[in-house]
PDB file of N, CA and C in Angstrom:
ATOM      1  N   MET A   1      55.185 -40.252  59.095  1.00  0.00           N
ATOM      2  CA  MET A   1      56.383 -40.931  59.060  1.00  0.00           C
ATOM      3  C   MET A   1      56.608 -41.403  60.401  1.00  0.00           C
ATOM      4  N   ILE A   2      56.163 -40.994  61.460  1.00  0.00           N
ATOM      5  CA  ILE A   2      56.283 -41.538  62.880  1.00  0.00           C
ATOM      6  C   ILE A   2      55.748 -42.845  63.071  1.00  0.00           C
ATOM      7  N   SER A   3      54.579 -42.983  62.696  1.00  0.00           N
ATOM      8  CA  SER A   3      53.807 -44.278  62.751  1.00  0.00           C
ATOM      9  C   SER A   3      54.606 -45.558  62.094  1.00  0.00           C
ATOM     10  N   ARG A   4      55.378 -45.233  61.016  1.00  0.00           N
ATOM     11  CA  ARG A   4      56.206 -46.274  60.478  1.00  0.00           C
ATOM     12  C   ARG A   4      57.410 -46.453  60.803  1.00  0.00           C
ATOM     13  N   ILE A   5      57.994 -45.827  61.929  1.00  0.00           N
ATOM     14  CA  ILE A   5      59.244 -46.053  62.569  1.00  0.00           C
ATOM     15  C   ILE A   5      59.303 -47.382  63.181  1.00  0.00           C
ATOM     16  N   ASN A   6      60.136 -48.099  63.002  1.00  0.00           N
ATOM     17  CA  ASN A   6      60.257 -49.341  63.745  1.00  0.00           C
ATOM     18  C   ASN A   6      61.395 -49.548  64.786  1.00  0.00           C
ATOM     19  N   VAL A   7      60.572 -49.345  66.027  1.00  0.00           N
ATOM     20  CA  VAL A   7      61.371 -49.301  67.176  1.00  0.00           C
ATOM     21  C   VAL A   7      61.071 -50.427  68.204  1.00  0.00           C
ATOM     22  N   ASP A   8      61.832 -50.467  69.141  1.00  0.00           N
ATOM     23  CA  ASP A   8      61.478 -51.722  70.291  1.00  0.00           C
ATOM     24  C   ASP A   8      60.227 -51.089  70.870  1.00  0.00           C
ATOM     25  N   PRO A   9      59.311 -51.969  71.172  1.00  0.00           N
ATOM     26  CA  PRO A   9      57.930 -51.790  71.744  1.00  0.00           C
ATOM     27  C   PRO A   9      58.266 -50.969  72.935  1.00  0.00           C
ATOM     28  N   ALA A  10      59.103 -51.043  73.972  1.00  0.00           N
ATOM     29  CA  ALA A  10      59.279 -50.340  74.992  1.00  0.00           C
ATOM     30  C   ALA A  10      59.753 -48.636  74.665  1.00  0.00           C
ATOM     31  N   THR A  11      60.164 -48.628  73.475  1.00  0.00           N
ATOM     32  CA  THR A  11      60.556 -46.924  73.150  1.00  0.00           C
ATOM     33  C   THR A  11      59.284 -46.177  72.764  1.00  0.00           C
ATOM     34  N   GLN A  12      59.206 -45.129  73.467  1.00  0.00           N
ATOM     35  CA  GLN A  12      58.170 -44.312  73.192  1.00  0.00           C
ATOM     36  C   GLN A  12      58.627 -43.005  72.503  1.00  0.00           C
ATOM     37  N   ILE A  13      57.853 -42.714  71.404  1.00  0.00           N
ATOM     38  CA  ILE A  13      58.167 -41.549  70.455  1.00  0.00           C
ATOM     39  C   ILE A  13      57.000 -40.636  70.711  1.00  0.00           C
ATOM     40  N   VAL A  14      57.474 -39.427  71.040  1.00  0.00           N
ATOM     41  CA  VAL A  14      56.614 -38.405  71.022  1.00  0.00           C
ATOM     42  C   VAL A  14      56.638 -37.311  70.119  1.00  0.00           C
ATOM     43  N   TYR A  15      55.877 -36.818  69.306  1.00  0.00           N
ATOM     44  CA  TYR A  15      56.082 -35.821  68.319  1.00  0.00           C
ATOM     45  C   TYR A  15      55.407 -34.386  68.771  1.00  0.00           C
ATOM     46  N   LYS A  16      56.233 -33.585  68.580  1.00  0.00           N
ATOM     47  CA  LYS A  16      55.826 -32.076  69.130  1.00  0.00           C
ATOM     48  C   LYS A  16      56.292 -31.089  67.894  1.00  0.00           C
ATOM     49  N   LYS A  17      55.498 -30.515  67.197  1.00  0.00           N
ATOM     50  CA  LYS A  17      55.725 -29.598  66.016  1.00  0.00           C
ATOM     51  C   LYS A  17      56.680 -28.453  66.402  1.00  0.00           C
ATOM     52  N   GLU A  18      56.179 -27.843  67.493  1.00  0.00           N
ATOM     53  CA  GLU A  18      56.929 -26.679  67.848  1.00  0.00           C
ATOM     54  C   GLU A  18      57.893 -26.808  69.075  1.00  0.00           C
ATOM     55  N   SER A  19      59.043 -26.319  69.101  1.00  0.00           N
ATOM     56  CA  SER A  19      59.909 -26.503  70.173  1.00  0.00           C
ATOM     57  C   SER A  19      59.220 -26.019  71.556  1.00  0.00           C
ATOM     58  N   ASP A  20      59.621 -26.652  72.682  1.00  0.00           N
ATOM     59  CA  ASP A  20      58.989 -26.354  73.980  1.00  0.00           C
ATOM     60  C   ASP A  20      60.086 -26.873  75.171  1.00  0.00           C
ATOM     61  N   THR A  21      61.058 -26.093  75.482  1.00  0.00           N
ATOM     62  CA  THR A  21      62.035 -26.449  76.328  1.00  0.00           C
ATOM     63  C   THR A  21      61.397 -26.948  77.570  1.00  0.00           C
ATOM     64  N   ASN A  22      60.332 -26.478  78.063  1.00  0.00           N
ATOM     65  CA  ASN A  22      59.733 -26.880  79.260  1.00  0.00           C
ATOM     66  C   ASN A  22      59.110 -28.113  79.113  1.00  0.00           C
ATOM     67  N   PHE A  23      58.494 -28.434  78.124  1.00  0.00           N
ATOM     68  CA  PHE A  23      57.813 -29.713  77.901  1.00  0.00           C
ATOM     69  C   PHE A  23      58.954 -30.815  77.870  1.00  0.00           C
ATOM     70  N   GLU A  24      60.063 -30.531  77.032  1.00  0.00           N
ATOM     71  CA  GLU A  24      61.057 -31.446  76.845  1.00  0.00           C
ATOM     72  C   GLU A  24      61.732 -31.742  78.224  1.00  0.00           C
ATOM     73  N   GLN A  25      62.197 -30.775  78.990  1.00  0.00           N
ATOM     74  CA  GLN A  25      62.736 -31.034  80.351  1.00  0.00           C
ATOM     75  C   GLN A  25      61.893 -31.623  81.335  1.00  0.00           C
ATOM     76  N   ALA A  26      60.580 -31.456  81.266  1.00  0.00           N
ATOM     77  CA  ALA A  26      59.605 -31.939  82.336  1.00  0.00           C
ATOM     78  C   ALA A  26      59.381 -33.370  82.101  1.00  0.00           C
ATOM     79  N   ASN A  27      59.504 -33.884  80.851  1.00  0.00           N
ATOM     80  CA  ASN A  27      59.272 -35.178  80.468  1.00  0.00           C
ATOM     81  C   ASN A  27      60.675 -36.072  80.650  1.00  0.00           C
ATOM     82  N   LYS A  28      61.726 -35.557  80.870  1.00  0.00           N
ATOM     83  CA  LYS A  28      62.961 -36.061  81.030  1.00  0.00           C
ATOM     84  C   LYS A  28      63.129 -37.177  79.942  1.00  0.00           C
ATOM     85  N   PHE A  29      62.931 -36.924  78.639  1.00  0.00           N
ATOM     86  CA  PHE A  29      63.246 -37.750  77.603  1.00  0.00           C
ATOM     87  C   PHE A  29      64.732 -38.058  77.622  1.00  0.00           C
ATOM     88  N   ASP A  30      65.075 -39.294  77.110  1.00  0.00           N
ATOM     89  CA  ASP A  30      66.488 -39.805  76.814  1.00  0.00           C
ATOM     90  C   ASP A  30      67.153 -38.891  75.944  1.00  0.00           C
ATOM     91  N   TYR A  31      66.494 -38.714  74.767  1.00  0.00           N
ATOM     92  CA  TYR A  31      66.908 -37.720  73.808  1.00  0.00           C
ATOM     93  C   TYR A  31      65.609 -37.132  73.117  1.00  0.00           C
ATOM     94  N   VAL A  32      66.063 -35.883  72.617  1.00  0.00           N
ATOM     95  CA  VAL A  32      65.101 -34.998  71.833  1.00  0.00           C
ATOM     96  C   VAL A  32      65.819 -34.917  70.410  1.00  0.00           C
ATOM     97  N   VAL A  33      64.920 -35.320  69.408  1.00  0.00           N
ATOM     98  CA  VAL A  33      65.408 -35.122  67.990  1.00  0.00           C
ATOM     99  C   VAL A  33      64.973 -33.671  67.766  1.00  0.00           C
ATOM    100  N   VAL A  34      65.975 -32.928  67.377  1.00  0.00           N
ATOM    101  CA  VAL A  34      65.595 -31.505  66.927  1.00  0.00           C
ATOM    102  C   VAL A  34      65.964 -31.243  65.421  1.00  0.00           C
ATOM    103  N   VAL A  35      64.888 -30.740  64.708  1.00  0.00           N
ATOM    104  CA  VAL A  35      65.120 -30.657  63.324  1.00  0.00           C
ATOM    105  C   VAL A  35      65.178 -29.132  63.135  1.00  0.00           C
ATOM    106  N   VAL A  36      66.158 -28.743  62.465  1.00  0.00           N
ATOM    107  CA  VAL A  36      66.541 -27.435  62.196  1.00  0.00           C
ATOM    108  C   VAL A  36      66.510 -27.235  60.784  1.00  0.00           C
ATOM    109  N   ASP A  37      65.587 -26.335  60.215  1.00  0.00           N
ATOM    110  CA  ASP A  37      65.650 -26.396  58.715  1.00  0.00           C
ATOM    111  C   ASP A  37      65.796 -24.813  58.315  1.00  0.00           C
ATOM    112  N   GLU A  38      65.907 -24.560  57.014  1.00  0.00           N
ATOM    113  CA  GLU A  38      65.977 -23.126  56.719  1.00  0.00           C
ATOM    114  C   GLU A  38      64.477 -22.741  56.200  1.00  0.00           C
ATOM    115  N   ASN A  39      64.250 -21.424  55.983  1.00  0.00           N
ATOM    116  CA  ASN A  39      62.964 -20.803  55.376  1.00  0.00           C
ATOM    117  C   ASN A  39      62.943 -21.165  54.080  1.00  0.00           C
ATOM    118  N   THR A  40      61.680 -21.186  53.487  1.00  0.00           N
ATOM    119  CA  THR A  40      61.392 -21.640  52.213  1.00  0.00           C
ATOM    120  C   THR A  40      61.920 -20.917  51.173  1.00  0.00           C
ATOM    121  N   TYR A  41      62.442 -19.620  51.396  1.00  0.00           N
ATOM    122  CA  TYR A  41      63.045 -18.801  50.328  1.00  0.00           C
ATOM    123  C   TYR A  41      64.595 -19.172  49.991  1.00  0.00           C
ATOM    124  N   ALA A  42      65.179 -20.209  50.675  1.00  0.00           N
ATOM    125  CA  ALA A  42      66.549 -20.392  50.698  1.00  0.00           C
ATOM    126  C   ALA A  42      66.872 -20.866  49.301  1.00  0.00           C
ATOM    127  N   GLU A  43      66.003 -21.510  48.532  1.00  0.00           N
ATOM    128  CA  GLU A  43      66.546 -21.978  47.027  1.00  0.00           C
ATOM    129  C   GLU A  43      66.093 -21.027  46.123  1.00  0.00           C
ATOM    130  N   ALA A  44      65.439 -19.844  46.347  1.00  0.00           N
ATOM    131  CA  ALA A  44      64.974 -19.047  45.524  1.00  0.00           C
ATOM    132  C   ALA A  44      65.978 -18.184  45.028  1.00  0.00           C
ATOM    133  N   TYR A  45      65.448 -17.017  43.909  1.00  0.00           N
ATOM    134  CA  TYR A  45      66.494 -16.209  43.468  1.00  0.00           C
ATOM    135  C   TYR A  45      67.325 -15.418  44.733  1.00  0.00           C
ATOM    136  N   ASN A  46      66.749 -15.252  45.665  1.00  0.00           N
ATOM    137  CA  ASN A  46      67.449 -14.425  46.733  1.00  0.00           C
ATOM    138  C   ASN A  46      68.108 -15.342  47.589  1.00  0.00           C
ATOM    139  N   ASP A  47      68.882 -16.188  47.336  1.00  0.00           N
ATOM    140  CA  ASP A  47      69.462 -17.214  48.323  1.00  0.00           C
ATOM    141  C   ASP A  47      70.017 -16.337  49.431  1.00  0.00           C
ATOM    142  N   SER A  48      69.905 -17.160  50.679  1.00  0.00           N
ATOM    143  CA  SER A  48      70.325 -16.436  51.973  1.00  0.00           C
ATOM    144  C   SER A  48      71.818 -16.427  51.816  1.00  0.00           C
ATOM    145  N   SER A  49      72.399 -15.131  52.491  1.00  0.00           N
ATOM    146  CA  SER A  49      73.717 -15.201  52.794  1.00  0.00           C
ATOM    147  C   SER A  49      74.085 -15.075  54.341  1.00  0.00           C
ATOM    148  N   ASN A  50      73.096 -15.664  55.028  1.00  0.00           N
ATOM    149  CA  ASN A  50      73.181 -15.831  56.364  1.00  0.00           C
ATOM    150  C   ASN A  50      73.372 -17.249  56.710  1.00  0.00           C
ATOM    151  N   PHE A  51      74.473 -17.803  57.261  1.00  0.00           N
ATOM    152  CA  PHE A  51      74.887 -19.125  57.534  1.00  0.00           C
ATOM    153  C   PHE A  51      74.687 -19.445  58.606  1.00  0.00           C
ATOM    154  N   THR A  52      74.176 -18.828  59.779  1.00  0.00           N
ATOM    155  CA  THR A  52      73.806 -19.279  60.992  1.00  0.00           C
ATOM    156  C   THR A  52      72.549 -20.045  61.068  1.00  0.00           C
ATOM    157  N   LEU A  53      72.357 -20.852  62.199  1.00  0.00           N
ATOM    158  CA  LEU A  53      71.026 -21.516  62.440  1.00  0.00           C
ATOM    159  C   LEU A  53      70.074 -20.533  62.819  1.00  0.00           C
ATOM    160  N   PRO A  54      68.724 -20.958  62.125  1.00  0.00           N
ATOM    161  CA  PRO A  54      67.526 -19.931  62.480  1.00  0.00           C
ATOM    162  C   PRO A  54      67.008 -20.206  63.866  1.00  0.00           C
ATOM    163  N   ASN A  55      66.625 -19.299  64.609  1.00  0.00           N
ATOM    164  CA  ASN A  55      65.779 -19.576  65.708  1.00  0.00           C
ATOM    165  C   ASN A  55      64.459 -20.308  65.651  1.00  0.00           C
ATOM    166  N   PRO A  56      64.066 -21.015  66.579  1.00  0.00           N
ATOM    167  CA  PRO A  56      64.622 -21.260  67.674  1.00  0.00           C
ATOM    168  C   PRO A  56      65.595 -22.205  68.048  1.00  0.00           C
ATOM    169  N   GLY A  57      66.205 -22.622  66.910  1.00  0.00           N
ATOM    170  CA  GLY A  57      67.215 -23.747  67.099  1.00  0.00           C
ATOM    171  C   GLY A  57      68.296 -23.585  67.752  1.00  0.00           C
ATOM    172  N   PRO A  58      69.140 -22.632  67.836  1.00  0.00           N
ATOM    173  CA  PRO A  58      70.303 -22.417  68.845  1.00  0.00           C
ATOM    174  C   PRO A  58      69.885 -22.400  70.204  1.00  0.00           C
ATOM    175  N   SER A  59      68.911 -21.818  70.587  1.00  0.00           N
ATOM    176  CA  SER A  59      68.515 -21.809  72.099  1.00  0.00           C
ATOM    177  C   SER A  59      68.063 -23.113  72.639  1.00  0.00           C
ATOM    178  N   PHE A  60      67.198 -23.822  71.696  1.00  0.00           N
ATOM    179  CA  PHE A  60      66.829 -24.936  72.107  1.00  0.00           C
ATOM    180  C   PHE A  60      67.763 -25.992  72.293  1.00  0.00           C
ATOM    181  N   ILE A  61      68.776 -26.057  71.108  1.00  0.00           N
ATOM    182  CA  ILE A  61      69.905 -27.013  71.189  1.00  0.00           C
ATOM    183  C   ILE A  61      70.626 -26.967  72.478  1.00  0.00           C
ATOM    184  N   GLN A  62      70.902 -25.715  73.055  1.00  0.00           N
ATOM    185  CA  GLN A  62      71.547 -25.491  74.144  1.00  0.00           C
ATOM    186  C   GLN A  62      70.877 -25.912  75.472  1.00  0.00           C
ATOM    187  N   THR A  63      69.599 -26.093  75.364  1.00  0.00           N
ATOM    188  CA  THR A  63      69.036 -26.473  76.860  1.00  0.00           C
ATOM    189  C   THR A  63      68.501 -27.824  76.890  1.00  0.00           C
ATOM    190  N   VAL A  64      68.456 -28.563  76.008  1.00  0.00           N
ATOM    191  CA  VAL A  64      68.070 -29.913  76.051  1.00  0.00           C
ATOM    192  C   VAL A  64      69.202 -31.011  75.406  1.00  0.00           C
ATOM    193  N   LYS A  65      68.966 -32.201  75.911  1.00  0.00           N
ATOM    194  CA  LYS A  65      70.050 -33.273  75.537  1.00  0.00           C
ATOM    195  C   LYS A  65      69.417 -33.761  73.940  1.00  0.00           C
ATOM    196  N   CYS A  66      70.068 -33.667  72.986  1.00  0.00           N
ATOM    197  CA  CYS A  66      69.427 -33.629  71.689  1.00  0.00           C
ATOM    198  C   CYS A  66      70.192 -34.200  70.525  1.00  0.00           C
ATOM    199  N   ILE A  67      69.686 -34.908  69.629  1.00  0.00           N
ATOM    200  CA  ILE A  67      70.110 -35.259  68.337  1.00  0.00           C
ATOM    201  C   ILE A  67      69.783 -34.207  67.282  1.00  0.00           C
ATOM    202  N   VAL A  68      70.640 -33.444  66.480  1.00  0.00           N
ATOM    203  CA  VAL A  68      70.089 -32.465  65.747  1.00  0.00           C
ATOM    204  C   VAL A  68      70.099 -32.984  64.289  1.00  0.00           C
ATOM    205  N   VAL A  69      69.013 -32.737  63.606  1.00  0.00           N
ATOM    206  CA  VAL A  69      68.880 -33.087  62.206  1.00  0.00           C
ATOM    207  C   VAL A  69      68.749 -31.462  61.515  1.00  0.00           C
ATOM    208  N   LEU A  70      69.869 -31.439  60.494  1.00  0.00           N
ATOM    209  CA  LEU A  70      69.872 -30.350  59.847  1.00  0.00           C
ATOM    210  C   LEU A  70      69.352 -30.495  58.310  1.00  0.00           C
ATOM    211  N   ILE A  71      68.495 -29.521  57.890  1.00  0.00           N
ATOM    212  CA  ILE A  71      67.766 -29.708  56.511  1.00  0.00           C
ATOM    213  C   ILE A  71      67.996 -28.391  55.961  1.00  0.00           C
ATOM    214  N   PHE A  72      69.119 -28.319  55.109  1.00  0.00           N
ATOM    215  CA  PHE A  72      69.431 -27.137  54.447  1.00  0.00           C
ATOM    216  C   PHE A  72      70.106 -27.497  53.052  1.00  0.00           C
ATOM    217  N   ALA A  73      70.028 -26.393  52.185  1.00  0.00           N
ATOM    218  CA  ALA A  73      70.353 -26.673  50.860  1.00  0.00           C
ATOM    219  C   ALA A  73      71.839 -26.200  50.727  1.00  0.00           C
ATOM    220  N   HIS A  74      72.306 -25.516  51.743  1.00  0.00           N
ATOM    221  CA  HIS A  74      73.591 -25.049  51.719  1.00  0.00           C
ATOM    222  C   HIS A  74      74.403 -25.316  53.027  1.00  0.00           C
ATOM    223  N   HIS A  75      75.712 -24.898  53.276  1.00  0.00           N
ATOM    224  CA  HIS A  75      76.235 -25.113  54.476  1.00  0.00           C
ATOM    225  C   HIS A  75      75.810 -24.169  55.526  1.00  0.00           C
ATOM    226  N   VAL A  76      75.988 -24.548  56.903  1.00  0.00           N
ATOM    227  CA  VAL A  76      75.439 -23.708  58.032  1.00  0.00           C
ATOM    228  C   VAL A  76      76.788 -23.864  59.032  1.00  0.00           C
ATOM    229  N   VAL A  77      76.749 -22.815  59.687  1.00  0.00           N
ATOM    230  CA  VAL A  77      77.557 -22.805  60.848  1.00  0.00           C
ATOM    231  C   VAL A  77      77.163 -23.391  62.058  1.00  0.00           C
ATOM    232  N   ILE A  78      77.806 -24.457  62.520  1.00  0.00           N
ATOM    233  CA  ILE A  78      77.377 -25.143  63.754  1.00  0.00           C
ATOM    234  C   ILE A  78      78.139 -25.168  64.959  1.00  0.00           C
ATOM    235  N   LYS A  79      79.581 -24.700  64.487  1.00  0.00           N
ATOM    236  CA  LYS A  79      80.566 -24.820  65.571  1.00  0.00           C
ATOM    237  C   LYS A  79      80.141 -24.399  66.987  1.00  0.00           C
ATOM    238  N   PRO A  80      79.446 -23.011  67.173  1.00  0.00           N
ATOM    239  CA  PRO A  80      79.110 -22.601  68.624  1.00  0.00           C
ATOM    240  C   PRO A  80      78.244 -23.677  69.223  1.00  0.00           C
ATOM    241  N   TYR A  81      77.662 -24.599  68.655  1.00  0.00           N
ATOM    242  CA  TYR A  81      76.595 -25.501  69.199  1.00  0.00           C
ATOM    243  C   TYR A  81      77.108 -27.033  69.337  1.00  0.00           C
ATOM    244  N   VAL A  82      78.185 -27.262  68.796  1.00  0.00           N
ATOM    245  CA  VAL A  82      78.577 -28.572  68.582  1.00  0.00           C
ATOM    246  C   VAL A  82      78.691 -29.159  69.998  1.00  0.00           C
ATOM    247  N   GLU A  83      79.369 -28.546  70.907  1.00  0.00           N
ATOM    248  CA  GLU A  83      79.518 -29.046  72.436  1.00  0.00           C
ATOM    249  C   GLU A  83      78.312 -29.556  72.941  1.00  0.00           C
ATOM    250  N   LYS A  84      77.209 -28.857  72.700  1.00  0.00           N
ATOM    251  CA  LYS A  84      75.791 -29.407  73.100  1.00  0.00           C
ATOM    252  C   LYS A  84      75.064 -30.319  72.341  1.00  0.00           C
ATOM    253  N   MET A  85      75.509 -30.700  71.259  1.00  0.00           N
ATOM    254  CA  MET A  85      74.922 -31.764  70.537  1.00  0.00           C
ATOM    255  C   MET A  85      75.349 -33.116  70.783  1.00  0.00           C
ATOM    256  N   ASP A  86      74.604 -34.032  71.116  1.00  0.00           N
ATOM    257  CA  ASP A  86      74.961 -35.462  71.374  1.00  0.00           C
ATOM    258  C   ASP A  86      75.140 -36.058  69.788  1.00  0.00           C
ATOM    259  N   ALA A  87      74.504 -35.635  68.831  1.00  0.00           N
ATOM    260  CA  ALA A  87      74.906 -36.281  67.581  1.00  0.00           C
ATOM    261  C   ALA A  87      74.130 -35.216  66.533  1.00  0.00           C
ATOM    262  N   VAL A  88      74.739 -35.269  65.174  1.00  0.00           N
ATOM    263  CA  VAL A  88      74.262 -34.239  64.047  1.00  0.00           C
ATOM    264  C   VAL A  88      74.135 -35.238  62.812  1.00  0.00           C
ATOM    265  N   LEU A  89      73.067 -34.930  62.397  1.00  0.00           N
ATOM    266  CA  LEU A  89      72.813 -35.638  60.917  1.00  0.00           C
ATOM    267  C   LEU A  89      72.571 -34.542  59.988  1.00  0.00           C
ATOM    268  N   ALA A  90      73.457 -34.294  58.995  1.00  0.00           N
ATOM    269  CA  ALA A  90      73.141 -33.305  58.097  1.00  0.00           C
ATOM    270  C   ALA A  90      72.415 -34.033  56.800  1.00  0.00           C
ATOM    271  N   ALA A  91      70.921 -33.896  56.801  1.00  0.00           N
ATOM    272  CA  ALA A  91      69.985 -34.391  55.939  1.00  0.00           C
ATOM    273  C   ALA A  91      70.079 -33.788  54.606  1.00  0.00           C
ATOM    274  N   TRP A  92      70.651 -32.423  54.564  1.00  0.00           N
ATOM    275  CA  TRP A  92      70.565 -31.665  53.409  1.00  0.00           C
ATOM    276  C   TRP A  92      69.175 -31.383  52.915  1.00  0.00           C
ATOM    277  N   LEU A  93      68.676 -31.923  51.674  1.00  0.00           N
ATOM    278  CA  LEU A  93      67.331 -31.843  51.271  1.00  0.00           C
ATOM    279  C   LEU A  93      66.586 -33.242  51.065  1.00  0.00           C
ATOM    280  N   PRO A  94      66.167 -33.848  51.991  1.00  0.00           N
ATOM    281  CA  PRO A  94      65.960 -35.513  51.996  1.00  0.00           C
ATOM    282  C   PRO A  94      64.650 -35.685  51.247  1.00  0.00           C
ATOM    283  N   GLY A  95      63.944 -34.809  50.592  1.00  0.00           N
ATOM    284  CA  GLY A  95      62.514 -35.171  50.133  1.00  0.00           C
ATOM    285  C   GLY A  95      61.419 -34.720  51.050  1.00  0.00           C
ATOM    286  N   THR A  96      60.066 -35.005  50.615  1.00  0.00           N
ATOM    287  CA  THR A  96      59.099 -34.589  51.451  1.00  0.00           C
ATOM    288  C   THR A  96      58.687 -35.639  52.472  1.00  0.00           C
ATOM    289  N   GLU A  97      58.979 -36.959  52.310  1.00  0.00           N
ATOM    290  CA  GLU A  97      58.516 -37.820  53.344  1.00  0.00           C
ATOM    291  C   GLU A  97      59.284 -37.884  54.672  1.00  0.00           C
ATOM    292  N   GLY A  98      60.553 -38.091  54.422  1.00  0.00           N
ATOM    293  CA  GLY A  98      61.481 -38.187  55.691  1.00  0.00           C
ATOM    294  C   GLY A  98      61.717 -39.390  56.188  1.00  0.00           C
ATOM    295  N   GLN A  99      61.386 -40.460  55.509  1.00  0.00           N
ATOM    296  CA  GLN A  99      61.387 -41.691  55.934  1.00  0.00           C
ATOM    297  C   GLN A  99      62.815 -42.206  55.979  1.00  0.00           C
ATOM    298  N   CYS A 100      63.525 -41.838  55.146  1.00  0.00           N
ATOM    299  CA  CYS A 100      65.066 -42.087  54.981  1.00  0.00           C
ATOM    300  C   CYS A 100      65.839 -41.364  56.431  1.00  0.00           C
ATOM    301  N   ILE A 101      65.483 -40.100  56.821  1.00  0.00           N
ATOM    302  CA  ILE A 101      65.898 -39.844  58.161  1.00  0.00           C
ATOM    303  C   ILE A 101      65.547 -40.554  59.481  1.00  0.00           C
ATOM    304  N   ALA A 102      64.356 -41.088  59.362  1.00  0.00           N
ATOM    305  CA  ALA A 102      63.939 -41.988  60.450  1.00  0.00           C
ATOM    306  C   ALA A 102      64.631 -43.094  60.451  1.00  0.00           C
ATOM    307  N   ASP A 103      65.170 -43.763  59.047  1.00  0.00           N
ATOM    308  CA  ASP A 103      65.789 -44.826  59.069  1.00  0.00           C
ATOM    309  C   ASP A 103      67.343 -44.919  59.651  1.00  0.00           C
ATOM    310  N   VAL A 104      67.833 -43.629  59.379  1.00  0.00           N
ATOM    311  CA  VAL A 104      69.172 -43.579  59.955  1.00  0.00           C
ATOM    312  C   VAL A 104      68.985 -43.325  61.470  1.00  0.00           C
ATOM    313  N   LEU A 105      68.093 -42.682  62.130  1.00  0.00           N
ATOM    314  CA  LEU A 105      68.084 -42.481  63.431  1.00  0.00           C
ATOM    315  C   LEU A 105      67.645 -43.688  64.386  1.00  0.00           C
ATOM    316  N   VAL A 106      67.145 -44.778  63.751  1.00  0.00           N
ATOM    317  CA  VAL A 106      66.524 -45.830  64.503  1.00  0.00           C
ATOM    318  C   VAL A 106      67.252 -47.074  63.964  1.00  0.00           C
ATOM    319  N   THR A 107      67.282 -47.998  64.769  1.00  0.00           N
ATOM    320  CA  THR A 107      67.731 -49.404  64.448  1.00  0.00           C
ATOM    321  C   THR A 107      66.646 -50.002  63.691  1.00  0.00           C
ATOM    322  N   MET A 108      66.947 -50.522  62.220  1.00  0.00           N
ATOM    323  CA  MET A 108      65.887 -51.111  61.525  1.00  0.00           C
ATOM    324  C   MET A 108      66.043 -52.666  61.406  1.00  0.00           C
ATOM    325  N   ASP A 109      65.323 -53.343  61.277  1.00  0.00           N
ATOM    326  CA  ASP A 109      65.099 -54.879  61.159  1.00  0.00           C
ATOM    327  C   ASP A 109      66.007 -55.219  59.970  1.00  0.00           C
TER     328      ASP A 109
END
């Protein structure tokens, strides 16, 4: 997905699968896109009754300047973190590729 994002050539996109606050702060990125999703069991027979953001999402959101993408099949409580979020995208269940999320996050031609 990242290789197909159409951005200004001066824009640098860095992908890091696991959150690392020290890495993000040391690189002084303009923004960090933080994707917070639910565990795979969320749509199974034993649906989750916990509507809080799973770790490490909350601690990470509160330490870096970020755009938060929420990928959940149900509602989640974000009120405790909203003040620290620069933007929020509720993506729900966007499919396996994620290109639609990238299209929303960047300016397309």
